[in-house]
Each structure stands twice: as structure tokens, then as C-alpha cells.
PDB file of all heavy atoms in Angstrom:
ATOM      1  N   GLN A   1       2.301 -33.185 -52.943  1.00  0.00           N
ATOM      2  CA  GLN A   1       2.690 -32.359 -54.085  1.00  0.00           C
ATOM      3  C   GLN A   1       1.491 -31.581 -54.616  1.00  0.00           C
ATOM      4  O   GLN A   1       0.342 -31.983 -54.422  1.00  0.00           O
ATOM      5  CB  GLN A   1       3.241 -33.253 -55.195  1.00  0.00           C
ATOM      6  CG  GLN A   1       4.565 -33.912 -54.858  1.00  0.00           C
ATOM      7  CD  GLN A   1       5.147 -34.666 -56.033  1.00  0.00           C
ATOM      8  OE1 GLN A   1       4.440 -35.011 -56.994  1.00  0.00           O
ATOM      9  NE2 GLN A   1       6.445 -34.928 -55.979  1.00  0.00           N
ATOM     10  N   PRO A   2       1.756 -30.467 -55.276  1.00  0.00           N
ATOM     11  CA  PRO A   2       0.638 -29.723 -55.905  1.00  0.00           C
ATOM     12  C   PRO A   2      -0.187 -30.642 -56.799  1.00  0.00           C
ATOM     13  O   PRO A   2       0.369 -31.454 -57.534  1.00  0.00           O
ATOM     14  CB  PRO A   2       1.359 -28.637 -56.698  1.00  0.00           C
ATOM     15  CG  PRO A   2       2.635 -28.414 -55.950  1.00  0.00           C
ATOM     16  CD  PRO A   2       3.043 -29.770 -55.440  1.00  0.00           C
ATOM     17  N   GLY A   3      -1.502 -30.496 -56.697  1.00  0.00           N
ATOM     18  CA  GLY A   3      -2.409 -31.350 -57.444  1.00  0.00           C
ATOM     19  C   GLY A   3      -2.824 -32.601 -56.704  1.00  0.00           C
ATOM     20  O   GLY A   3      -3.721 -33.319 -57.157  1.00  0.00           O
ATOM     21  N   GLY A   4      -2.187 -32.869 -55.585  1.00  0.00           N
ATOM     22  CA  GLY A   4      -2.494 -34.061 -54.808  1.00  0.00           C
ATOM     23  C   GLY A   4      -3.720 -33.895 -53.928  1.00  0.00           C
ATOM     24  O   GLY A   4      -4.401 -32.865 -53.950  1.00  0.00           O
ATOM     25  N   SER A   5      -3.982 -34.944 -53.136  1.00  0.00           N
ATOM     26  CA  SER A   5      -5.168 -34.971 -52.286  1.00  0.00           C
ATOM     27  C   SER A   5      -4.807 -35.411 -50.868  1.00  0.00           C
ATOM     28  O   SER A   5      -3.841 -36.155 -50.666  1.00  0.00           O
ATOM     29  CB  SER A   5      -6.192 -35.947 -52.860  1.00  0.00           C
ATOM     30  OG  SER A   5      -6.635 -35.556 -54.138  1.00  0.00           O
ATOM     31  N   LEU A   6      -5.605 -34.962 -49.937  1.00  0.00           N
ATOM     32  CA  LEU A   6      -5.541 -35.407 -48.541  1.00  0.00           C
ATOM     33  C   LEU A   6      -6.947 -35.433 -47.985  1.00  0.00           C
ATOM     34  O   LEU A   6      -7.822 -34.679 -48.429  1.00  0.00           O
ATOM     35  CB  LEU A   6      -4.686 -34.464 -47.688  1.00  0.00           C
ATOM     36  CG  LEU A   6      -3.170 -34.520 -47.826  1.00  0.00           C
ATOM     37  CD1 LEU A   6      -2.538 -33.376 -47.031  1.00  0.00           C
ATOM     38  CD2 LEU A   6      -2.617 -35.850 -47.361  1.00  0.00           C
ATOM     39  N   ARG A   7      -7.139 -36.291 -46.982  1.00  0.00           N
ATOM     40  CA  ARG A   7      -8.422 -36.332 -46.277  1.00  0.00           C
ATOM     41  C   ARG A   7      -8.154 -36.108 -44.795  1.00  0.00           C
ATOM     42  O   ARG A   7      -7.471 -36.904 -44.153  1.00  0.00           O
ATOM     43  CB  ARG A   7      -9.119 -37.668 -46.472  1.00  0.00           C
ATOM     44  CG  ARG A   7     -10.549 -37.684 -45.921  1.00  0.00           C
ATOM     45  CD  ARG A   7     -11.099 -39.082 -45.891  1.00  0.00           C
ATOM     46  NE  ARG A   7     -12.553 -39.120 -45.660  1.00  0.00           N
ATOM     47  CZ  ARG A   7     -13.178 -40.104 -45.029  1.00  0.00           C
ATOM     48  NH1 ARG A   7     -12.491 -41.149 -44.580  1.00  0.00           N
ATOM     49  NH2 ARG A   7     -14.484 -40.070 -44.877  1.00  0.00           N
ATOM     50  N   LEU A   8      -8.702 -35.020 -44.280  1.00  0.00           N
ATOM     51  CA  LEU A   8      -8.556 -34.693 -42.869  1.00  0.00           C
ATOM     52  C   LEU A   8      -9.743 -35.221 -42.084  1.00  0.00           C
ATOM     53  O   LEU A   8     -10.869 -35.269 -42.586  1.00  0.00           O
ATOM     54  CB  LEU A   8      -8.458 -33.183 -42.677  1.00  0.00           C
ATOM     55  CG  LEU A   8      -7.390 -32.450 -43.495  1.00  0.00           C
ATOM     56  CD1 LEU A   8      -7.375 -30.971 -43.105  1.00  0.00           C
ATOM     57  CD2 LEU A   8      -6.026 -33.072 -43.318  1.00  0.00           C
ATOM     58  N   SER A   9      -9.476 -35.590 -40.838  1.00  0.00           N
ATOM     59  CA  SER A   9     -10.526 -36.044 -39.929  1.00  0.00           C
ATOM     60  C   SER A   9     -10.490 -35.216 -38.652  1.00  0.00           C
ATOM     61  O   SER A   9      -9.416 -34.784 -38.222  1.00  0.00           O
ATOM     62  CB  SER A   9     -10.333 -37.519 -39.576  1.00  0.00           C
ATOM     63  OG  SER A   9     -10.406 -38.344 -40.713  1.00  0.00           O
ATOM     64  N   CYS A  10     -11.640 -35.046 -38.061  1.00  0.00           N
ATOM     65  CA  CYS A  10     -11.742 -34.334 -36.784  1.00  0.00           C
ATOM     66  C   CYS A  10     -12.673 -35.109 -35.874  1.00  0.00           C
ATOM     67  O   CYS A  10     -13.873 -35.234 -36.172  1.00  0.00           O
ATOM     68  CB  CYS A  10     -12.272 -32.930 -36.998  1.00  0.00           C
ATOM     69  SG  CYS A  10     -12.724 -32.097 -35.452  1.00  0.00           S
ATOM     70  N   ALA A  11     -12.118 -35.632 -34.801  1.00  0.00           N
ATOM     71  CA  ALA A  11     -12.917 -36.333 -33.802  1.00  0.00           C
ATOM     72  C   ALA A  11     -13.181 -35.383 -32.645  1.00  0.00           C
ATOM     73  O   ALA A  11     -12.250 -34.739 -32.137  1.00  0.00           O
ATOM     74  CB  ALA A  11     -12.178 -37.572 -33.315  1.00  0.00           C
ATOM     75  N   ALA A  12     -14.422 -35.293 -32.249  1.00  0.00           N
ATOM     76  CA  ALA A  12     -14.802 -34.378 -31.172  1.00  0.00           C
ATOM     77  C   ALA A  12     -15.305 -35.142 -29.969  1.00  0.00           C
ATOM     78  O   ALA A  12     -15.888 -36.220 -30.099  1.00  0.00           O
ATOM     79  CB  ALA A  12     -15.877 -33.424 -31.661  1.00  0.00           C
ATOM     80  N   SER A  13     -15.070 -34.586 -28.812  1.00  0.00           N
ATOM     81  CA  SER A  13     -15.586 -35.203 -27.597  1.00  0.00           C
ATOM     82  C   SER A  13     -17.062 -34.872 -27.444  1.00  0.00           C
ATOM     83  O   SER A  13     -17.568 -33.921 -28.040  1.00  0.00           O
ATOM     84  CB  SER A  13     -14.806 -34.709 -26.382  1.00  0.00           C
ATOM     85  OG  SER A  13     -14.943 -33.307 -26.247  1.00  0.00           O
ATOM     86  N   GLY A  14     -17.738 -35.648 -26.631  1.00  0.00           N
ATOM     87  CA  GLY A  14     -19.142 -35.396 -26.388  1.00  0.00           C
ATOM     88  C   GLY A  14     -19.975 -35.528 -27.643  1.00  0.00           C
ATOM     89  O   GLY A  14     -19.640 -36.297 -28.539  1.00  0.00           O
ATOM     90  N   SER A  15     -21.025 -34.742 -27.733  1.00  0.00           N
ATOM     91  CA  SER A  15     -21.960 -34.837 -28.855  1.00  0.00           C
ATOM     92  C   SER A  15     -21.912 -33.593 -29.739  1.00  0.00           C
ATOM     93  O   SER A  15     -22.868 -33.288 -30.444  1.00  0.00           O
ATOM     94  CB  SER A  15     -23.375 -35.040 -28.330  1.00  0.00           C
ATOM     95  OG  SER A  15     -23.739 -33.939 -27.509  1.00  0.00           O
ATOM     96  N   VAL A  16     -20.770 -32.916 -29.720  1.00  0.00           N
ATOM     97  CA  VAL A  16     -20.644 -31.651 -30.455  1.00  0.00           C
ATOM     98  C   VAL A  16     -20.946 -31.827 -31.927  1.00  0.00           C
ATOM     99  O   VAL A  16     -21.702 -31.063 -32.533  1.00  0.00           O
ATOM    100  CB  VAL A  16     -19.233 -31.056 -30.268  1.00  0.00           C
ATOM    101  CG1 VAL A  16     -19.047 -29.836 -31.172  1.00  0.00           C
ATOM    102  CG2 VAL A  16     -19.010 -30.665 -28.827  1.00  0.00           C
ATOM    103  N   CYS A  17     -20.327 -32.854 -32.542  1.00  0.00           N
ATOM    104  CA  CYS A  17     -20.503 -33.035 -33.980  1.00  0.00           C
ATOM    105  C   CYS A  17     -21.936 -33.359 -34.339  1.00  0.00           C
ATOM    106  O   CYS A  17     -22.339 -33.161 -35.478  1.00  0.00           O
ATOM    107  CB  CYS A  17     -19.567 -34.129 -34.488  1.00  0.00           C
ATOM    108  SG  CYS A  17     -17.852 -33.599 -34.653  1.00  0.00           S
ATOM    109  N   ARG A  18     -22.678 -33.909 -33.389  1.00  0.00           N
ATOM    110  CA  ARG A  18     -24.069 -34.304 -33.693  1.00  0.00           C
ATOM    111  C   ARG A  18     -25.039 -33.144 -33.504  1.00  0.00           C
ATOM    112  O   ARG A  18     -26.156 -33.190 -34.004  1.00  0.00           O
ATOM    113  CB  ARG A  18     -24.484 -35.470 -32.801  1.00  0.00           C
ATOM    114  CG  ARG A  18     -23.791 -36.777 -33.139  1.00  0.00           C
ATOM    115  CD  ARG A  18     -24.446 -37.940 -32.416  1.00  0.00           C
ATOM    116  NE  ARG A  18     -24.199 -37.914 -30.987  1.00  0.00           N
ATOM    117  CZ  ARG A  18     -23.174 -38.530 -30.414  1.00  0.00           C
ATOM    118  NH1 ARG A  18     -22.318 -39.212 -31.155  1.00  0.00           N
ATOM    119  NH2 ARG A  18     -23.012 -38.479 -29.107  1.00  0.00           N
ATOM    120  N   THR A  19     -24.622 -32.116 -32.788  1.00  0.00           N
ATOM    121  CA  THR A  19     -25.582 -31.076 -32.417  1.00  0.00           C
ATOM    122  C   THR A  19     -25.222 -29.677 -32.887  1.00  0.00           C
ATOM    123  O   THR A  19     -26.016 -28.760 -32.714  1.00  0.00           O
ATOM    124  CB  THR A  19     -25.753 -31.060 -30.893  1.00  0.00           C
ATOM    125  OG1 THR A  19     -24.490 -30.852 -30.268  1.00  0.00           O
ATOM    126  CG2 THR A  19     -26.359 -32.368 -30.405  1.00  0.00           C
ATOM    127  N   TYR A  20     -24.033 -29.494 -33.465  1.00  0.00           N
ATOM    128  CA  TYR A  20     -23.607 -28.170 -33.907  1.00  0.00           C
ATOM    129  C   TYR A  20     -23.294 -28.168 -35.398  1.00  0.00           C
ATOM    130  O   TYR A  20     -22.847 -29.187 -35.948  1.00  0.00           O
ATOM    131  CB  TYR A  20     -22.340 -27.734 -33.178  1.00  0.00           C
ATOM    132  CG  TYR A  20     -22.556 -27.240 -31.775  1.00  0.00           C
ATOM    133  CD1 TYR A  20     -22.703 -28.136 -30.721  1.00  0.00           C
ATOM    134  CD2 TYR A  20     -22.584 -25.886 -31.484  1.00  0.00           C
ATOM    135  CE1 TYR A  20     -22.882 -27.685 -29.429  1.00  0.00           C
ATOM    136  CE2 TYR A  20     -22.760 -25.424 -30.197  1.00  0.00           C
ATOM    137  CZ  TYR A  20     -22.905 -26.325 -29.172  1.00  0.00           C
ATOM    138  OH  TYR A  20     -23.081 -25.878 -27.888  1.00  0.00           O
ATOM    139  N   THR A  21     -23.479 -27.051 -36.047  1.00  0.00           N
ATOM    140  CA  THR A  21     -22.818 -26.816 -37.326  1.00  0.00           C
ATOM    141  C   THR A  21     -21.323 -26.889 -37.063  1.00  0.00           C
ATOM    142  O   THR A  21     -20.827 -26.315 -36.091  1.00  0.00           O
ATOM    143  CB  THR A  21     -23.182 -25.447 -37.892  1.00  0.00           C
ATOM    144  OG1 THR A  21     -24.552 -25.470 -38.309  1.00  0.00           O
ATOM    145  CG2 THR A  21     -22.309 -25.082 -39.074  1.00  0.00           C
ATOM    146  N   MET A  22     -20.606 -27.625 -37.904  1.00  0.00           N
ATOM    147  CA  MET A  22     -19.169 -27.814 -37.717  1.00  0.00           C
ATOM    148  C   MET A  22     -18.408 -27.176 -38.857  1.00  0.00           C
ATOM    149  O   MET A  22     -18.880 -27.121 -39.996  1.00  0.00           O
ATOM    150  CB  MET A  22     -18.839 -29.308 -37.646  1.00  0.00           C
ATOM    151  CG  MET A  22     -19.393 -29.987 -36.404  1.00  0.00           C
ATOM    152  SD  MET A  22     -18.730 -29.314 -34.867  1.00  0.00           S
ATOM    153  CE  MET A  22     -16.991 -29.703 -35.060  1.00  0.00           C
ATOM    154  N   GLY A  23     -17.196 -26.714 -38.533  1.00  0.00           N
ATOM    155  CA  GLY A  23     -16.408 -26.035 -39.544  1.00  0.00           C
ATOM    156  C   GLY A  23     -14.951 -26.443 -39.531  1.00  0.00           C
ATOM    157  O   GLY A  23     -14.436 -26.927 -38.517  1.00  0.00           O
ATOM    158  N   TRP A  24     -14.307 -26.252 -40.673  1.00  0.00           N
ATOM    159  CA  TRP A  24     -12.860 -26.373 -40.792  1.00  0.00           C
ATOM    160  C   TRP A  24     -12.273 -24.979 -40.994  1.00  0.00           C
ATOM    161  O   TRP A  24     -12.856 -24.154 -41.725  1.00  0.00           O
ATOM    162  CB  TRP A  24     -12.470 -27.276 -41.955  1.00  0.00           C
ATOM    163  CG  TRP A  24     -12.602 -28.737 -41.670  1.00  0.00           C
ATOM    164  CD1 TRP A  24     -13.657 -29.544 -41.968  1.00  0.00           C
ATOM    165  CD2 TRP A  24     -11.642 -29.563 -41.013  1.00  0.00           C
ATOM    166  NE1 TRP A  24     -13.411 -30.825 -41.538  1.00  0.00           N
ATOM    167  CE2 TRP A  24     -12.183 -30.869 -40.939  1.00  0.00           C
ATOM    168  CE3 TRP A  24     -10.376 -29.343 -40.472  1.00  0.00           C
ATOM    169  CZ2 TRP A  24     -11.501 -31.944 -40.363  1.00  0.00           C
ATOM    170  CZ3 TRP A  24      -9.699 -30.414 -39.902  1.00  0.00           C
ATOM    171  CH2 TRP A  24     -10.252 -31.696 -39.846  1.00  0.00           C
ATOM    172  N   TYR A  25     -11.146 -24.758 -40.376  1.00  0.00           N
ATOM    173  CA  TYR A  25     -10.449 -23.496 -40.442  1.00  0.00           C
ATOM    174  C   TYR A  25      -8.979 -23.788 -40.721  1.00  0.00           C
ATOM    175  O   TYR A  25      -8.526 -24.898 -40.524  1.00  0.00           O
ATOM    176  CB  TYR A  25     -10.581 -22.741 -39.109  1.00  0.00           C
ATOM    177  CG  TYR A  25     -12.007 -22.557 -38.654  1.00  0.00           C
ATOM    178  CD1 TYR A  25     -12.701 -23.589 -38.030  1.00  0.00           C
ATOM    179  CD2 TYR A  25     -12.665 -21.343 -38.848  1.00  0.00           C
ATOM    180  CE1 TYR A  25     -14.012 -23.424 -37.611  1.00  0.00           C
ATOM    181  CE2 TYR A  25     -13.978 -21.166 -38.430  1.00  0.00           C
ATOM    182  CZ  TYR A  25     -14.643 -22.221 -37.817  1.00  0.00           C
ATOM    183  OH  TYR A  25     -15.942 -22.057 -37.417  1.00  0.00           O
ATOM    184  N   ARG A  26      -8.252 -22.781 -41.145  1.00  0.00           N
ATOM    185  CA  ARG A  26      -6.817 -22.969 -41.356  1.00  0.00           C
ATOM    186  C   ARG A  26      -6.059 -21.699 -41.032  1.00  0.00           C
ATOM    187  O   ARG A  26      -6.605 -20.596 -41.109  1.00  0.00           O
ATOM    188  CB  ARG A  26      -6.522 -23.417 -42.792  1.00  0.00           C
ATOM    189  CG  ARG A  26      -6.815 -22.372 -43.855  1.00  0.00           C
ATOM    190  CD  ARG A  26      -6.613 -22.979 -45.242  1.00  0.00           C
ATOM    191  NE  ARG A  26      -6.871 -22.012 -46.303  1.00  0.00           N
ATOM    192  CZ  ARG A  26      -6.904 -22.306 -47.598  1.00  0.00           C
ATOM    193  NH1 ARG A  26      -6.697 -23.566 -47.995  1.00  0.00           N
ATOM    194  NH2 ARG A  26      -7.128 -21.361 -48.495  1.00  0.00           N
ATOM    195  N   GLN A  27      -4.788 -21.879 -40.691  1.00  0.00           N
ATOM    196  CA  GLN A  27      -3.917 -20.747 -40.395  1.00  0.00           C
ATOM    197  C   GLN A  27      -2.580 -20.981 -41.064  1.00  0.00           C
ATOM    198  O   GLN A  27      -1.861 -21.922 -40.710  1.00  0.00           O
ATOM    199  CB  GLN A  27      -3.748 -20.555 -38.894  1.00  0.00           C
ATOM    200  CG  GLN A  27      -2.977 -19.300 -38.541  1.00  0.00           C
ATOM    201  CD  GLN A  27      -3.060 -18.952 -37.065  1.00  0.00           C
ATOM    202  OE1 GLN A  27      -3.391 -19.794 -36.229  1.00  0.00           O
ATOM    203  NE2 GLN A  27      -2.803 -17.705 -36.747  1.00  0.00           N
ATOM    204  N   ALA A  28      -2.265 -20.132 -42.014  1.00  0.00           N
ATOM    205  CA  ALA A  28      -0.983 -20.198 -42.712  1.00  0.00           C
ATOM    206  C   ALA A  28       0.049 -19.382 -41.941  1.00  0.00           C
ATOM    207  O   ALA A  28      -0.320 -18.479 -41.169  1.00  0.00           O
ATOM    208  CB  ALA A  28      -1.146 -19.656 -44.129  1.00  0.00           C
ATOM    209  N   PRO A  29       1.321 -19.664 -42.129  1.00  0.00           N
ATOM    210  CA  PRO A  29       2.365 -18.918 -41.415  1.00  0.00           C
ATOM    211  C   PRO A  29       2.237 -17.422 -41.644  1.00  0.00           C
ATOM    212  O   PRO A  29       2.119 -16.959 -42.782  1.00  0.00           O
ATOM    213  CB  PRO A  29       3.656 -19.473 -42.030  1.00  0.00           C
ATOM    214  CG  PRO A  29       3.294 -20.827 -42.512  1.00  0.00           C
ATOM    215  CD  PRO A  29       1.878 -20.730 -42.970  1.00  0.00           C
ATOM    216  N   GLY A  30       2.219 -16.677 -40.552  1.00  0.00           N
ATOM    217  CA  GLY A  30       2.174 -15.228 -40.642  1.00  0.00           C
ATOM    218  C   GLY A  30       0.810 -14.654 -40.968  1.00  0.00           C
ATOM    219  O   GLY A  30       0.686 -13.440 -41.168  1.00  0.00           O
ATOM    220  N   LYS A  31      -0.201 -15.502 -41.019  1.00  0.00           N
ATOM    221  CA  LYS A  31      -1.539 -15.032 -41.353  1.00  0.00           C
ATOM    222  C   LYS A  31      -2.533 -15.371 -40.252  1.00  0.00           C
ATOM    223  O   LYS A  31      -2.279 -16.233 -39.413  1.00  0.00           O
ATOM    224  CB  LYS A  31      -1.994 -15.649 -42.674  1.00  0.00           C
ATOM    225  CG  LYS A  31      -1.183 -15.223 -43.882  1.00  0.00           C
ATOM    226  CD  LYS A  31      -1.793 -15.758 -45.166  1.00  0.00           C
ATOM    227  CE  LYS A  31      -1.029 -15.272 -46.380  1.00  0.00           C
ATOM    228  NZ  LYS A  31      -1.633 -15.767 -47.649  1.00  0.00           N
ATOM    229  N   GLN A  32      -3.666 -14.702 -40.278  1.00  0.00           N
ATOM    230  CA  GLN A  32      -4.718 -14.992 -39.317  1.00  0.00           C
ATOM    231  C   GLN A  32      -5.456 -16.277 -39.707  1.00  0.00           C
ATOM    232  O   GLN A  32      -5.482 -16.672 -40.873  1.00  0.00           O
ATOM    233  CB  GLN A  32      -5.717 -13.834 -39.250  1.00  0.00           C
ATOM    234  CG  GLN A  32      -5.177 -12.578 -38.599  1.00  0.00           C
ATOM    235  CD  GLN A  32      -6.254 -11.537 -38.352  1.00  0.00           C
ATOM    236  OE1 GLN A  32      -7.237 -11.463 -39.077  1.00  0.00           O
ATOM    237  NE2 GLN A  32      -6.077 -10.745 -37.310  1.00  0.00           N
ATOM    238  N   ARG A  33      -6.042 -16.906 -38.702  1.00  0.00           N
ATOM    239  CA  ARG A  33      -6.850 -18.094 -38.975  1.00  0.00           C
ATOM    240  C   ARG A  33      -8.054 -17.689 -39.827  1.00  0.00           C
ATOM    241  O   ARG A  33      -8.670 -16.660 -39.589  1.00  0.00           O
ATOM    242  CB  ARG A  33      -7.297 -18.729 -37.661  1.00  0.00           C
ATOM    243  CG  ARG A  33      -8.002 -20.056 -37.829  1.00  0.00           C
ATOM    244  CD  ARG A  33      -7.904 -20.946 -36.600  1.00  0.00           C
ATOM    245  NE  ARG A  33      -7.680 -20.263 -35.356  1.00  0.00           N
ATOM    246  CZ  ARG A  33      -7.000 -20.811 -34.336  1.00  0.00           C
ATOM    247  NH1 ARG A  33      -6.514 -22.035 -34.468  1.00  0.00           N
ATOM    248  NH2 ARG A  33      -6.833 -20.142 -33.218  1.00  0.00           N
ATOM    249  N   GLU A  34      -8.383 -18.525 -40.811  1.00  0.00           N
ATOM    250  CA  GLU A  34      -9.509 -18.234 -41.683  1.00  0.00           C
ATOM    251  C   GLU A  34     -10.433 -19.433 -41.783  1.00  0.00           C
ATOM    252  O   GLU A  34     -10.009 -20.576 -41.637  1.00  0.00           O
ATOM    253  CB  GLU A  34      -9.010 -17.839 -43.085  1.00  0.00           C
ATOM    254  CG  GLU A  34      -8.266 -18.946 -43.820  1.00  0.00           C
ATOM    255  CD  GLU A  34      -7.885 -18.554 -45.242  1.00  0.00           C
ATOM    256  OE1 GLU A  34      -8.212 -17.442 -45.691  1.00  0.00           O
ATOM    257  OE2 GLU A  34      -7.253 -19.399 -45.923  1.00  0.00           O
ATOM    258  N   TRP A  35     -11.667 -19.143 -42.046  1.00  0.00           N
ATOM    259  CA  TRP A  35     -12.664 -20.178 -42.232  1.00  0.00           C
ATOM    260  C   TRP A  35     -12.499 -20.814 -43.613  1.00  0.00           C
ATOM    261  O   TRP A  35     -12.236 -20.130 -44.598  1.00  0.00           O
ATOM    262  CB  TRP A  35     -14.061 -19.571 -42.086  1.00  0.00           C
ATOM    263  CG  TRP A  35     -15.145 -20.454 -42.573  1.00  0.00           C
ATOM    264  CD1 TRP A  35     -15.620 -21.592 -41.986  1.00  0.00           C
ATOM    265  CD2 TRP A  35     -15.899 -20.279 -43.769  1.00  0.00           C
ATOM    266  NE1 TRP A  35     -16.631 -22.135 -42.750  1.00  0.00           N
ATOM    267  CE2 TRP A  35     -16.818 -21.337 -43.847  1.00  0.00           C
ATOM    268  CE3 TRP A  35     -15.902 -19.322 -44.789  1.00  0.00           C
ATOM    269  CZ2 TRP A  35     -17.713 -21.480 -44.894  1.00  0.00           C
ATOM    270  CZ3 TRP A  35     -16.801 -19.460 -45.822  1.00  0.00           C
ATOM    271  CH2 TRP A  35     -17.696 -20.533 -45.874  1.00  0.00           C
ATOM    272  N   VAL A  36     -12.694 -22.127 -43.698  1.00  0.00           N
ATOM    273  CA  VAL A  36     -12.535 -22.869 -44.943  1.00  0.00           C
ATOM    274  C   VAL A  36     -13.859 -23.461 -45.405  1.00  0.00           C
ATOM    275  O   VAL A  36     -14.236 -23.318 -46.564  1.00  0.00           O
ATOM    276  CB  VAL A  36     -11.496 -24.001 -44.776  1.00  0.00           C
ATOM    277  CG1 VAL A  36     -11.425 -24.877 -46.020  1.00  0.00           C
ATOM    278  CG2 VAL A  36     -10.129 -23.435 -44.448  1.00  0.00           C
ATOM    279  N   ALA A  37     -14.549 -24.142 -44.500  1.00  0.00           N
ATOM    280  CA  ALA A  37     -15.791 -24.826 -44.873  1.00  0.00           C
ATOM    281  C   ALA A  37     -16.609 -25.075 -43.621  1.00  0.00           C
ATOM    282  O   ALA A  37     -16.067 -25.139 -42.520  1.00  0.00           O
ATOM    283  CB  ALA A  37     -15.493 -26.144 -45.579  1.00  0.00           C
ATOM    284  N   ARG A  38     -17.918 -25.228 -43.799  1.00  0.00           N
ATOM    285  CA  ARG A  38     -18.789 -25.592 -42.688  1.00  0.00           C
ATOM    286  C   ARG A  38     -19.883 -26.512 -43.205  1.00  0.00           C
ATOM    287  O   ARG A  38     -20.176 -26.533 -44.397  1.00  0.00           O
ATOM    288  CB  ARG A  38     -19.381 -24.366 -41.999  1.00  0.00           C
ATOM    289  CG  ARG A  38     -20.358 -23.584 -42.806  1.00  0.00           C
ATOM    290  CD  ARG A  38     -21.053 -22.533 -41.956  1.00  0.00           C
ATOM    291  NE  ARG A  38     -20.120 -21.548 -41.438  1.00  0.00           N
ATOM    292  CZ  ARG A  38     -19.866 -20.380 -42.038  1.00  0.00           C
ATOM    293  NH1 ARG A  38     -20.471 -20.066 -43.165  1.00  0.00           N
ATOM    294  NH2 ARG A  38     -19.016 -19.544 -41.495  1.00  0.00           N
ATOM    295  N   ILE A  39     -20.466 -27.237 -42.275  1.00  0.00           N
ATOM    296  CA  ILE A  39     -21.551 -28.148 -42.620  1.00  0.00           C
ATOM    297  C   ILE A  39     -22.571 -28.144 -41.497  1.00  0.00           C
ATOM    298  O   ILE A  39     -22.219 -28.218 -40.317  1.00  0.00           O
ATOM    299  CB  ILE A  39     -21.016 -29.565 -42.905  1.00  0.00           C
ATOM    300  CG1 ILE A  39     -22.135 -30.484 -43.409  1.00  0.00           C
ATOM    301  CG2 ILE A  39     -20.316 -30.170 -41.681  1.00  0.00           C
ATOM    302  CD1 ILE A  39     -21.617 -31.797 -44.001  1.00  0.00           C
ATOM    303  N   THR A  40     -23.835 -28.023 -41.852  1.00  0.00           N
ATOM    304  CA  THR A  40     -24.888 -27.985 -40.852  1.00  0.00           C
ATOM    305  C   THR A  40     -25.162 -29.386 -40.306  1.00  0.00           C
ATOM    306  O   THR A  40     -24.688 -30.390 -40.861  1.00  0.00           O
ATOM    307  CB  THR A  40     -26.183 -27.427 -41.436  1.00  0.00           C
ATOM    308  OG1 THR A  40     -26.678 -28.358 -42.423  1.00  0.00           O
ATOM    309  CG2 THR A  40     -25.961 -26.061 -42.071  1.00  0.00           C
ATOM    310  N   VAL A  41     -25.929 -29.453 -39.258  1.00  0.00           N
ATOM    311  CA  VAL A  41     -26.311 -30.748 -38.693  1.00  0.00           C
ATOM    312  C   VAL A  41     -27.016 -31.591 -39.747  1.00  0.00           C
ATOM    313  O   VAL A  41     -26.829 -32.801 -39.834  1.00  0.00           O
ATOM    314  CB  VAL A  41     -27.197 -30.559 -37.452  1.00  0.00           C
ATOM    315  CG1 VAL A  41     -27.738 -31.889 -36.971  1.00  0.00           C
ATOM    316  CG2 VAL A  41     -26.425 -29.863 -36.329  1.00  0.00           C
ATOM    317  N   GLY A  42     -27.794 -30.935 -40.566  1.00  0.00           N
ATOM    318  CA  GLY A  42     -28.525 -31.647 -41.622  1.00  0.00           C
ATOM    319  C   GLY A  42     -27.684 -32.014 -42.825  1.00  0.00           C
ATOM    320  O   GLY A  42     -28.162 -32.718 -43.722  1.00  0.00           O
TER     321      GLY A  42
END
């Protein structure tokens, strides 16, 4: 419901999460995929 919370997880193969800046993206119906957030290795 509006105002609620969720926690998403992303498991990656190999060592991608340890060696790359990682990002979350989203795509709403009828819209292009957009960037949401990113986090550096540090």
C-alpha cells in the first residue's frame, strides 16, 4: 500500500558486486527503463 516499505535484493554471479559500481533501475508500464540508485565499491 502507499506509504509502505519493501526491501529488494540482487544476487549476482561471479564477483561483479565486489568489483563494480552497482545500480538499481526500474521500468514502469509504457515507459523507458530509468536509473534509480547506484553505489560505488567503496
